[in-house]
PDB file of N, CA and C in Angstrom:
ATOM      1  N   MET A   1     131.061 107.890  55.454  1.00  0.00           N
ATOM      2  CA  MET A   1     129.714 108.222  55.881  1.00  0.00           C
ATOM      3  C   MET A   1     129.147 107.050  56.683  1.00  0.00           C
ATOM      4  N   VAL A   2     128.488 107.372  57.798  1.00  0.00           N
ATOM      5  CA  VAL A   2     127.919 106.360  58.673  1.00  0.00           C
ATOM      6  C   VAL A   2     126.501 106.038  58.229  1.00  0.00           C
ATOM      7  N   ASP A   3     126.222 104.764  58.147  1.00  0.00           N
ATOM      8  CA  ASP A   3     124.880 104.318  57.796  1.00  0.00           C
ATOM      9  C   ASP A   3     123.956 104.558  58.990  1.00  0.00           C
ATOM     10  N   PRO A   4     122.795 105.240  58.813  1.00  0.00           N
ATOM     11  CA  PRO A   4     121.893 105.517  59.940  1.00  0.00           C
ATOM     12  C   PRO A   4     121.441 104.266  60.679  1.00  0.00           C
ATOM     13  N   VAL A   5     121.367 103.135  59.982  1.00  0.00           N
ATOM     14  CA  VAL A   5     120.954 101.891  60.624  1.00  0.00           C
ATOM     15  C   VAL A   5     121.987 101.463  61.672  1.00  0.00           C
ATOM     16  N   ASP A   6     123.255 101.811  61.464  1.00  0.00           N
ATOM     17  CA  ASP A   6     124.299 101.443  62.415  1.00  0.00           C
ATOM     18  C   ASP A   6     124.168 102.209  63.730  1.00  0.00           C
ATOM     19  N   SER A   7     123.500 103.347  63.730  1.00  0.00           N
ATOM     20  CA  SER A   7     123.385 104.152  64.944  1.00  0.00           C
ATOM     21  C   SER A   7     122.106 103.860  65.727  1.00  0.00           C
ATOM     22  N   ILE A   8     121.356 102.827  65.333  1.00  0.00           N
ATOM     23  CA  ILE A   8     120.157 102.453  66.077  1.00  0.00           C
ATOM     24  C   ILE A   8     120.584 101.555  67.225  1.00  0.00           C
ATOM     25  N   SER A   9     120.264 101.994  68.414  1.00  0.00           N
ATOM     26  CA  SER A   9     120.601 101.259  69.631  1.00  0.00           C
ATOM     27  C   SER A   9     119.638 101.698  70.723  1.00  0.00           C
ATOM     28  N   ALA A  10     119.865 101.255  71.937  1.00  0.00           N
ATOM     29  CA  ALA A  10     118.995 101.639  73.043  1.00  0.00           C
ATOM     30  C   ALA A  10     119.331 103.051  73.504  1.00  0.00           C
ATOM     31  N   CYS A  11     118.322 103.876  73.626  1.00  0.00           N
ATOM     32  CA  CYS A  11     118.479 105.257  74.077  1.00  0.00           C
ATOM     33  C   CYS A  11     118.893 105.269  75.545  1.00  0.00           C
ATOM     34  N   ALA A  12     119.815 106.132  75.897  1.00  0.00           N
ATOM     35  CA  ALA A  12     120.269 106.252  77.282  1.00  0.00           C
ATOM     36  C   ALA A  12     119.188 106.843  78.185  1.00  0.00           C
ATOM     37  N   GLY A  13     118.204 107.498  77.616  1.00  0.00           N
ATOM     38  CA  GLY A  13     117.146 108.115  78.407  1.00  0.00           C
ATOM     39  C   GLY A  13     115.935 107.230  78.614  1.00  0.00           C
ATOM     40  N   CYS A  14     115.500 106.543  77.569  1.00  0.00           N
ATOM     41  CA  CYS A  14     114.258 105.771  77.663  1.00  0.00           C
ATOM     42  C   CYS A  14     114.444 104.274  77.419  1.00  0.00           C
ATOM     43  N   ASP A  15     115.626 103.849  77.030  1.00  0.00           N
ATOM     44  CA  ASP A  15     115.964 102.440  76.766  1.00  0.00           C
ATOM     45  C   ASP A  15     115.211 101.830  75.590  1.00  0.00           C
ATOM     46  N   LEU A  16     114.585 102.662  74.757  1.00  0.00           N
ATOM     47  CA  LEU A  16     113.932 102.142  73.559  1.00  0.00           C
ATOM     48  C   LEU A  16     114.941 102.123  72.419  1.00  0.00           C
ATOM     49  N   ARG A  17     114.780 101.186  71.506  1.00  0.00           N
ATOM     50  CA  ARG A  17     115.691 101.084  70.368  1.00  0.00           C
ATOM     51  C   ARG A  17     115.248 102.062  69.287  1.00  0.00           C
ATOM     52  N   ARG A  18     116.046 103.095  69.113  1.00  0.00           N
ATOM     53  CA  ARG A  18     115.756 104.155  68.146  1.00  0.00           C
ATOM     54  C   ARG A  18     117.070 104.697  67.601  1.00  0.00           C
ATOM     55  N   PRO A  19     117.019 105.458  66.516  1.00  0.00           N
ATOM     56  CA  PRO A  19     118.230 106.157  66.067  1.00  0.00           C
ATOM     57  C   PRO A  19     118.670 107.147  67.151  1.00  0.00           C
ATOM     58  N   LEU A  20     119.972 107.228  67.379  1.00  0.00           N
ATOM     59  CA  LEU A  20     120.509 108.046  68.456  1.00  0.00           C
ATOM     60  C   LEU A  20     121.365 109.183  67.946  1.00  0.00           C
ATOM     61  N   ASP A  21     121.480 110.215  68.767  1.00  0.00           N
ATOM     62  CA  ASP A  21     122.386 111.314  68.453  1.00  0.00           C
ATOM     63  C   ASP A  21     123.768 111.004  69.041  1.00  0.00           C
ATOM     64  N   ASP A  22     124.652 111.986  69.030  1.00  0.00           N
ATOM     65  CA  ASP A  22     126.017 111.763  69.497  1.00  0.00           C
ATOM     66  C   ASP A  22     126.108 111.554  71.010  1.00  0.00           C
ATOM     67  N   MET A  23     125.056 111.868  71.761  1.00  0.00           N
ATOM     68  CA  MET A  23     125.056 111.651  73.213  1.00  0.00           C
ATOM     69  C   MET A  23     124.327 110.368  73.602  1.00  0.00           C
ATOM     70  N   GLY A  24     123.886 109.606  72.616  1.00  0.00           N
ATOM     71  CA  GLY A  24     123.192 108.356  72.896  1.00  0.00           C
ATOM     72  C   GLY A  24     121.732 108.537  73.252  1.00  0.00           C
ATOM     73  N   LEU A  25     121.123 109.646  72.797  1.00  0.00           N
ATOM     74  CA  LEU A  25     119.716 109.924  73.079  1.00  0.00           C
ATOM     75  C   LEU A  25     118.896 109.914  71.796  1.00  0.00           C
ATOM     76  N   CYS A  26     117.663 109.435  71.909  1.00  0.00           N
ATOM     77  CA  CYS A  26     116.742 109.531  70.778  1.00  0.00           C
ATOM     78  C   CYS A  26     116.279 110.982  70.670  1.00  0.00           C
ATOM     79  N   ALA A  27     115.591 111.317  69.611  1.00  0.00           N
ATOM     80  CA  ALA A  27     115.155 112.706  69.391  1.00  0.00           C
ATOM     81  C   ALA A  27     114.237 113.198  70.509  1.00  0.00           C
ATOM     82  N   GLU A  28     113.347 112.341  70.990  1.00  0.00           N
ATOM     83  CA  GLU A  28     112.418 112.736  72.049  1.00  0.00           C
ATOM     84  C   GLU A  28     113.167 113.029  73.359  1.00  0.00           C
ATOM     85  N   CYS A  29     114.097 112.174  73.736  1.00  0.00           N
ATOM     86  CA  CYS A  29     114.851 112.383  74.979  1.00  0.00           C
ATOM     87  C   CYS A  29     115.825 113.556  74.848  1.00  0.00           C
ATOM     88  N   ALA A  30     116.372 113.770  73.660  1.00  0.00           N
ATOM     89  CA  ALA A  30     117.251 114.921  73.443  1.00  0.00           C
ATOM     90  C   ALA A  30     116.469 116.226  73.625  1.00  0.00           C
ATOM     91  N   ALA A  31     115.220 116.256  73.169  1.00  0.00           N
ATOM     92  CA  ALA A  31     114.382 117.441  73.365  1.00  0.00           C
ATOM     93  C   ALA A  31     114.066 117.648  74.846  1.00  0.00           C
ATOM     94  N   LYS A  32     113.818 116.556  75.572  1.00  0.00           N
ATOM     95  CA  LYS A  32     113.570 116.656  77.013  1.00  0.00           C
ATOM     96  C   LYS A  32     114.802 117.195  77.738  1.00  0.00           C
ATOM     97  N   LEU A  33     115.970 116.694  77.370  1.00  0.00           N
ATOM     98  CA  LEU A  33     117.208 117.168  77.992  1.00  0.00           C
ATOM     99  C   LEU A  33     117.430 118.649  77.702  1.00  0.00           C
ATOM    100  N   ASP A  34     117.153 119.065  76.482  1.00  0.00           N
ATOM    101  CA  ASP A  34     117.304 120.474  76.119  1.00  0.00           C
ATOM    102  C   ASP A  34     116.374 121.352  76.959  1.00  0.00           C
ATOM    103  N   ARG A  35     115.135 120.916  77.135  1.00  0.00           N
ATOM    104  CA  ARG A  35     114.196 121.678  77.975  1.00  0.00           C
ATOM    105  C   ARG A  35     114.652 121.696  79.429  1.00  0.00           C
ATOM    106  N   ASP A  36     115.205 120.590  79.915  1.00  0.00           N
ATOM    107  CA  ASP A  36     115.720 120.556  81.288  1.00  0.00           C
ATOM    108  C   ASP A  36     116.886 121.521  81.462  1.00  0.00           C
ATOM    109  N   MET A  37     117.740 121.621  80.477  1.00  0.00           N
ATOM    110  CA  MET A  37     118.862 122.564  80.551  1.00  0.00           C
ATOM    111  C   MET A  37     118.349 124.008  80.577  1.00  0.00           C
ATOM    112  N   ILE A  38     117.286 124.274  79.832  1.00  0.00           N
ATOM    113  CA  ILE A  38     116.683 125.612  79.834  1.00  0.00           C
ATOM    114  C   ILE A  38     116.061 125.892  81.203  1.00  0.00           C
ATOM    115  N   ARG A  39     115.343 124.917  81.769  1.00  0.00           N
ATOM    116  CA  ARG A  39     114.761 125.100  83.105  1.00  0.00           C
ATOM    117  C   ARG A  39     115.838 125.411  84.145  1.00  0.00           C
ATOM    118  N   GLU A  40     116.976 124.750  84.009  1.00  0.00           N
ATOM    119  CA  GLU A  40     118.075 124.885  84.966  1.00  0.00           C
ATOM    120  C   GLU A  40     118.944 126.116  84.685  1.00  0.00           C
ATOM    121  N   ARG A  41     118.634 126.820  83.632  1.00  0.00           N
ATOM    122  CA  ARG A  41     119.399 128.003  83.191  1.00  0.00           C
ATOM    123  C   ARG A  41     120.827 127.637  82.780  1.00  0.00           C
ATOM    124  N   ALA A  42     121.003 126.439  82.277  1.00  0.00           N
ATOM    125  CA  ALA A  42     122.301 125.989  81.773  1.00  0.00           C
ATOM    126  C   ALA A  42     122.354 126.337  80.281  1.00  0.00           C
ATOM    127  N   TRP A  43     122.413 127.618  80.007  1.00  0.00           N
ATOM    128  CA  TRP A  43     122.302 128.117  78.636  1.00  0.00           C
ATOM    129  C   TRP A  43     123.396 127.571  77.722  1.00  0.00           C
ATOM    130  N   ASP A  44     124.574 127.356  78.235  1.00  0.00           N
ATOM    131  CA  ASP A  44     125.686 126.866  77.416  1.00  0.00           C
ATOM    132  C   ASP A  44     125.468 125.431  76.935  1.00  0.00           C
ATOM    133  N   TYR A  45     124.562 124.700  77.572  1.00  0.00           N
ATOM    134  CA  TYR A  45     124.324 123.304  77.214  1.00  0.00           C
ATOM    135  C   TYR A  45     123.033 123.102  76.439  1.00  0.00           C
ATOM    136  N   SER A  46     122.281 124.156  76.194  1.00  0.00           N
ATOM    137  CA  SER A  46     121.024 124.062  75.468  1.00  0.00           C
ATOM    138  C   SER A  46     121.227 124.452  74.007  1.00  0.00           C
ATOM    139  N   ALA A  47     120.944 123.518  73.122  1.00  0.00           N
ATOM    140  CA  ALA A  47     121.061 123.803  71.689  1.00  0.00           C
ATOM    141  C   ALA A  47     120.054 124.862  71.264  1.00  0.00           C
ATOM    142  N   THR A  48     118.867 124.818  71.821  1.00  0.00           N
ATOM    143  CA  THR A  48     117.838 125.803  71.481  1.00  0.00           C
ATOM    144  C   THR A  48     118.289 127.205  71.843  1.00  0.00           C
ATOM    145  N   ALA A  49     118.802 127.364  73.055  1.00  0.00           N
ATOM    146  CA  ALA A  49     119.263 128.689  73.498  1.00  0.00           C
ATOM    147  C   ALA A  49     120.447 129.163  72.657  1.00  0.00           C
ATOM    148  N   PHE A  50     121.330 128.251  72.329  1.00  0.00           N
ATOM    149  CA  PHE A  50     122.526 128.622  71.579  1.00  0.00           C
ATOM    150  C   PHE A  50     122.201 129.085  70.162  1.00  0.00           C
ATOM    151  N   PHE A  51     121.341 128.350  69.481  1.00  0.00           N
ATOM    152  CA  PHE A  51     121.087 128.628  68.066  1.00  0.00           C
ATOM    153  C   PHE A  51     119.980 129.640  67.790  1.00  0.00           C
ATOM    154  N   HIS A  52     119.031 129.790  68.702  1.00  0.00           N
ATOM    155  CA  HIS A  52     117.847 130.558  68.349  1.00  0.00           C
ATOM    156  C   HIS A  52     117.574 131.796  69.189  1.00  0.00           C
ATOM    157  N   TYR A  53     118.309 131.998  70.245  1.00  0.00           N
ATOM    158  CA  TYR A  53     117.957 133.113  71.130  1.00  0.00           C
ATOM    159  C   TYR A  53     119.146 133.995  71.456  1.00  0.00           C
ATOM    160  N   ASP A  54     118.845 135.255  71.593  1.00  0.00           N
ATOM    161  CA  ASP A  54     119.806 136.234  72.055  1.00  0.00           C
ATOM    162  C   ASP A  54     119.931 136.057  73.574  1.00  0.00           C
ATOM    163  N   PRO A  55     121.117 136.159  74.148  1.00  0.00           N
ATOM    164  CA  PRO A  55     121.265 135.956  75.599  1.00  0.00           C
ATOM    165  C   PRO A  55     120.317 136.789  76.462  1.00  0.00           C
ATOM    166  N   LYS A  56     119.933 137.954  76.003  1.00  0.00           N
ATOM    167  CA  LYS A  56     119.012 138.765  76.813  1.00  0.00           C
ATOM    168  C   LYS A  56     117.587 138.214  76.804  1.00  0.00           C
ATOM    169  N   ASP A  57     117.293 137.270  75.922  1.00  0.00           N
ATOM    170  CA  ASP A  57     115.961 136.661  75.842  1.00  0.00           C
ATOM    171  C   ASP A  57     115.886 135.278  76.501  1.00  0.00           C
ATOM    172  N   TYR A  58     116.935 134.855  77.197  1.00  0.00           N
ATOM    173  CA  TYR A  58     116.961 133.523  77.791  1.00  0.00           C
ATOM    174  C   TYR A  58     115.845 133.317  78.819  1.00  0.00           C
ATOM    175  N   GLU A  59     115.598 134.302  79.655  1.00  0.00           N
ATOM    176  CA  GLU A  59     114.555 134.146  80.671  1.00  0.00           C
ATOM    177  C   GLU A  59     113.173 134.018  80.032  1.00  0.00           C
ATOM    178  N   THR A  60     112.953 134.712  78.935  1.00  0.00           N
ATOM    179  CA  THR A  60     111.689 134.585  78.206  1.00  0.00           C
ATOM    180  C   THR A  60     111.541 133.170  77.667  1.00  0.00           C
ATOM    181  N   LEU A  61     112.622 132.619  77.134  1.00  0.00           N
ATOM    182  CA  LEU A  61     112.619 131.236  76.647  1.00  0.00           C
ATOM    183  C   LEU A  61     112.292 130.278  77.788  1.00  0.00           C
ATOM    184  N   ARG A  62     112.913 130.477  78.940  1.00  0.00           N
ATOM    185  CA  ARG A  62     112.663 129.616  80.107  1.00  0.00           C
ATOM    186  C   ARG A  62     111.194 129.688  80.521  1.00  0.00           C
ATOM    187  N   GLU A  63     110.633 130.876  80.543  1.00  0.00           N
ATOM    188  CA  GLU A  63     109.224 131.035  80.901  1.00  0.00           C
ATOM    189  C   GLU A  63     108.314 130.315  79.910  1.00  0.00           C
ATOM    190  N   LYS A  64     108.652 130.356  78.616  1.00  0.00           N
ATOM    191  CA  LYS A  64     107.865 129.654  77.598  1.00  0.00           C
ATOM    192  C   LYS A  64     107.913 128.150  77.812  1.00  0.00           C
ATOM    193  N   VAL A  65     109.118 127.633  78.106  1.00  0.00           N
ATOM    194  CA  VAL A  65     109.264 126.192  78.334  1.00  0.00           C
ATOM    195  C   VAL A  65     108.442 125.766  79.550  1.00  0.00           C
ATOM    196  N   ILE A  66     108.529 126.517  80.625  1.00  0.00           N
ATOM    197  CA  ILE A  66     107.779 126.173  81.837  1.00  0.00           C
ATOM    198  C   ILE A  66     106.285 126.283  81.599  1.00  0.00           C
ATOM    199  N   ALA A  67     105.842 127.279  80.849  1.00  0.00           N
ATOM    200  CA  ALA A  67     104.419 127.437  80.559  1.00  0.00           C
ATOM    201  C   ALA A  67     103.890 126.276  79.720  1.00  0.00           C
ATOM    202  N   GLU A  68     104.688 125.819  78.758  1.00  0.00           N
ATOM    203  CA  GLU A  68     104.223 124.765  77.857  1.00  0.00           C
ATOM    204  C   GLU A  68     104.410 123.356  78.422  1.00  0.00           C
ATOM    205  N   TYR A  69     105.536 123.103  79.123  1.00  0.00           N
ATOM    206  CA  TYR A  69     105.862 121.746  79.565  1.00  0.00           C
ATOM    207  C   TYR A  69     105.868 121.566  81.082  1.00  0.00           C
ATOM    208  N   GLY A  70     105.737 122.638  81.849  1.00  0.00           N
ATOM    209  CA  GLY A  70     105.749 122.548  83.302  1.00  0.00           C
ATOM    210  C   GLY A  70     107.143 122.802  83.859  1.00  0.00           C
ATOM    211  N   ALA A  71     107.210 122.983  85.169  1.00  0.00           N
ATOM    212  CA  ALA A  71     108.472 123.318  85.828  1.00  0.00           C
ATOM    213  C   ALA A  71     109.290 122.093  86.211  1.00  0.00           C
ATOM    214  N   ALA A  72     108.676 120.922  86.249  1.00  0.00           N
ATOM    215  CA  ALA A  72     109.380 119.708  86.662  1.00  0.00           C
ATOM    216  C   ALA A  72     110.330 119.230  85.569  1.00  0.00           C
ATOM    217  N   TYR A  73     111.469 118.687  86.003  1.00  0.00           N
ATOM    218  CA  TYR A  73     112.421 118.117  85.052  1.00  0.00           C
ATOM    219  C   TYR A  73     111.799 116.905  84.370  1.00  0.00           C
ATOM    220  N   GLU A  74     112.130 116.714  83.099  1.00  0.00           N
ATOM    221  CA  GLU A  74     111.580 115.592  82.338  1.00  0.00           C
ATOM    222  C   GLU A  74     112.559 114.430  82.236  1.00  0.00           C
ATOM    223  N   LEU A  75     113.849 114.720  82.224  1.00  0.00           N
ATOM    224  CA  LEU A  75     114.831 113.660  82.004  1.00  0.00           C
ATOM    225  C   LEU A  75     115.873 113.592  83.113  1.00  0.00           C
ATOM    226  N   ILE A  76     116.411 114.714  83.513  1.00  0.00           N
ATOM    227  CA  ILE A  76     117.466 114.686  84.526  1.00  0.00           C
ATOM    228  C   ILE A  76     116.855 114.645  85.923  1.00  0.00           C
ATOM    229  N   ALA A  77     117.612 114.114  86.867  1.00  0.00           N
ATOM    230  CA  ALA A  77     117.163 114.059  88.260  1.00  0.00           C
ATOM    231  C   ALA A  77     117.400 115.413  88.902  1.00  0.00           C
ATOM    232  N   SER A  78     116.454 115.850  89.716  1.00  0.00           N
ATOM    233  CA  SER A  78     116.633 117.124  90.409  1.00  0.00           C
ATOM    234  C   SER A  78     117.685 116.953  91.501  1.00  0.00           C
ATOM    235  N   GLN A  79     118.308 118.038  91.904  1.00  0.00           N
ATOM    236  CA  GLN A  79     119.332 117.984  92.944  1.00  0.00           C
ATOM    237  C   GLN A  79     118.740 117.464  94.251  1.00  0.00           C
ATOM    238  N   LYS A  80     117.484 117.764  94.516  1.00  0.00           N
ATOM    239  CA  LYS A  80     116.820 117.298  95.729  1.00  0.00           C
ATOM    240  C   LYS A  80     116.753 115.765  95.741  1.00  0.00           C
ATOM    241  N   ASP A  81     116.417 115.154  94.594  1.00  0.00           N
ATOM    242  CA  ASP A  81     116.327 113.699  94.505  1.00  0.00           C
ATOM    243  C   ASP A  81     117.697 113.046  94.653  1.00  0.00           C
ATOM    244  N   VAL A  82     118.719 113.670  94.103  1.00  0.00           N
ATOM    245  CA  VAL A  82     120.071 113.117  94.189  1.00  0.00           C
ATOM    246  C   VAL A  82     120.532 113.103  95.639  1.00  0.00           C
ATOM    247  N   ARG A  83     120.286 114.177  96.377  1.00  0.00           N
ATOM    248  CA  ARG A  83     120.693 114.251  97.786  1.00  0.00           C
ATOM    249  C   ARG A  83     119.963 113.209  98.627  1.00  0.00           C
ATOM    250  N   LYS A  84     118.688 112.959  98.348  1.00  0.00           N
ATOM    251  CA  LYS A  84     117.926 111.976  99.111  1.00  0.00           C
ATOM    252  C   LYS A  84     118.526 110.585  98.971  1.00  0.00           C
ATOM    253  N   ARG A  85     118.941 110.220  97.773  1.00  0.00           N
ATOM    254  CA  ARG A  85     119.491 108.892  97.535  1.00  0.00           C
ATOM    255  C   ARG A  85     120.823 108.686  98.230  1.00  0.00           C
ATOM    256  N   ARG A  86     121.580 109.730  98.399  1.00  0.00           N
ATOM    257  CA  ARG A  86     122.919 109.603  98.967  1.00  0.00           C
ATOM    258  C   ARG A  86     122.925 109.588 100.484  1.00  0.00           C
ATOM    259  N   LYS A  87     121.824 109.964 101.093  1.00  0.00           N
ATOM    260  CA  LYS A  87     121.778 109.944 102.554  1.00  0.00           C
ATOM    261  C   LYS A  87     121.747 108.498 103.040  1.00  0.00           C
ATOM    262  N   GLY A  88     122.365 108.275 104.129  1.00  0.00           N
ATOM    263  CA  GLY A  88     122.371 106.940 104.710  1.00  0.00           C
ATOM    264  C   GLY A  88     123.520 106.832 105.690  1.00  0.00           C
ATOM    265  N   LYS A  89     123.508 105.765 106.433  1.00  0.00           N
ATOM    266  CA  LYS A  89     124.562 105.564 107.422  1.00  0.00           C
ATOM    267  C   LYS A  89     125.804 105.039 106.735  1.00  0.00           C
ATOM    268  N   LYS A  90     126.922 105.610 107.126  1.00  0.00           N
ATOM    269  CA  LYS A  90     128.181 105.105 106.587  1.00  0.00           C
ATOM    270  C   LYS A  90     128.499 103.786 107.268  1.00  0.00           C
ATOM    271  N   GLY A  91     129.002 102.863 106.489  1.00  0.00           N
ATOM    272  CA  GLY A  91     129.380 101.562 107.039  1.00  0.00           C
ATOM    273  C   GLY A  91     128.203 100.656 107.316  1.00  0.00           C
ATOM    274  N   SER A  92     127.045 100.985 106.777  1.00  0.00           N
ATOM    275  CA  SER A  92     125.858 100.154 107.033  1.00  0.00           C
ATOM    276  C   SER A  92     125.720  99.008 106.029  1.00  0.00           C
ATOM    277  N   ARG A  93     126.693  98.871 105.164  1.00  0.00           N
ATOM    278  CA  ARG A  93     126.645  97.777 104.199  1.00  0.00           C
ATOM    279  C   ARG A  93     126.881  96.453 104.903  1.00  0.00           C
ATOM    280  N   LYS A  94     126.164  95.468 104.455  1.00  0.00           N
ATOM    281  CA  LYS A  94     126.379  94.129 105.002  1.00  0.00           C
ATOM    282  C   LYS A  94     127.553  93.489 104.292  1.00  0.00           C
ATOM    283  N   GLN A  95     128.353  92.850 105.037  1.00  0.00           N
ATOM    284  CA  GLN A  95     129.555  92.212 104.480  1.00  0.00           C
ATOM    285  C   GLN A  95     129.232  90.846 103.972  1.00  0.00           C
TER     286      GLN A  95
END
């Protein structure tokens, strides 16, 4: 059995020292990630969708999450933000 004190480290999401889950996230960041997966319709990666909802009710769950927490991602970067960072001139690095 693992001592809970041994699993206290810096959260991968917020960098605060808290007890972590198996993905290295504190409870607050794990909930944010779960809501982001629901927003993105990544039903296979959402614990909430997997354990509590029938697949035909997934869109209702998504609407509830957006109504309560908003449509913006809380933890993961949007695809639009990722594309912006990658744009740039090739070979523009200084040697």
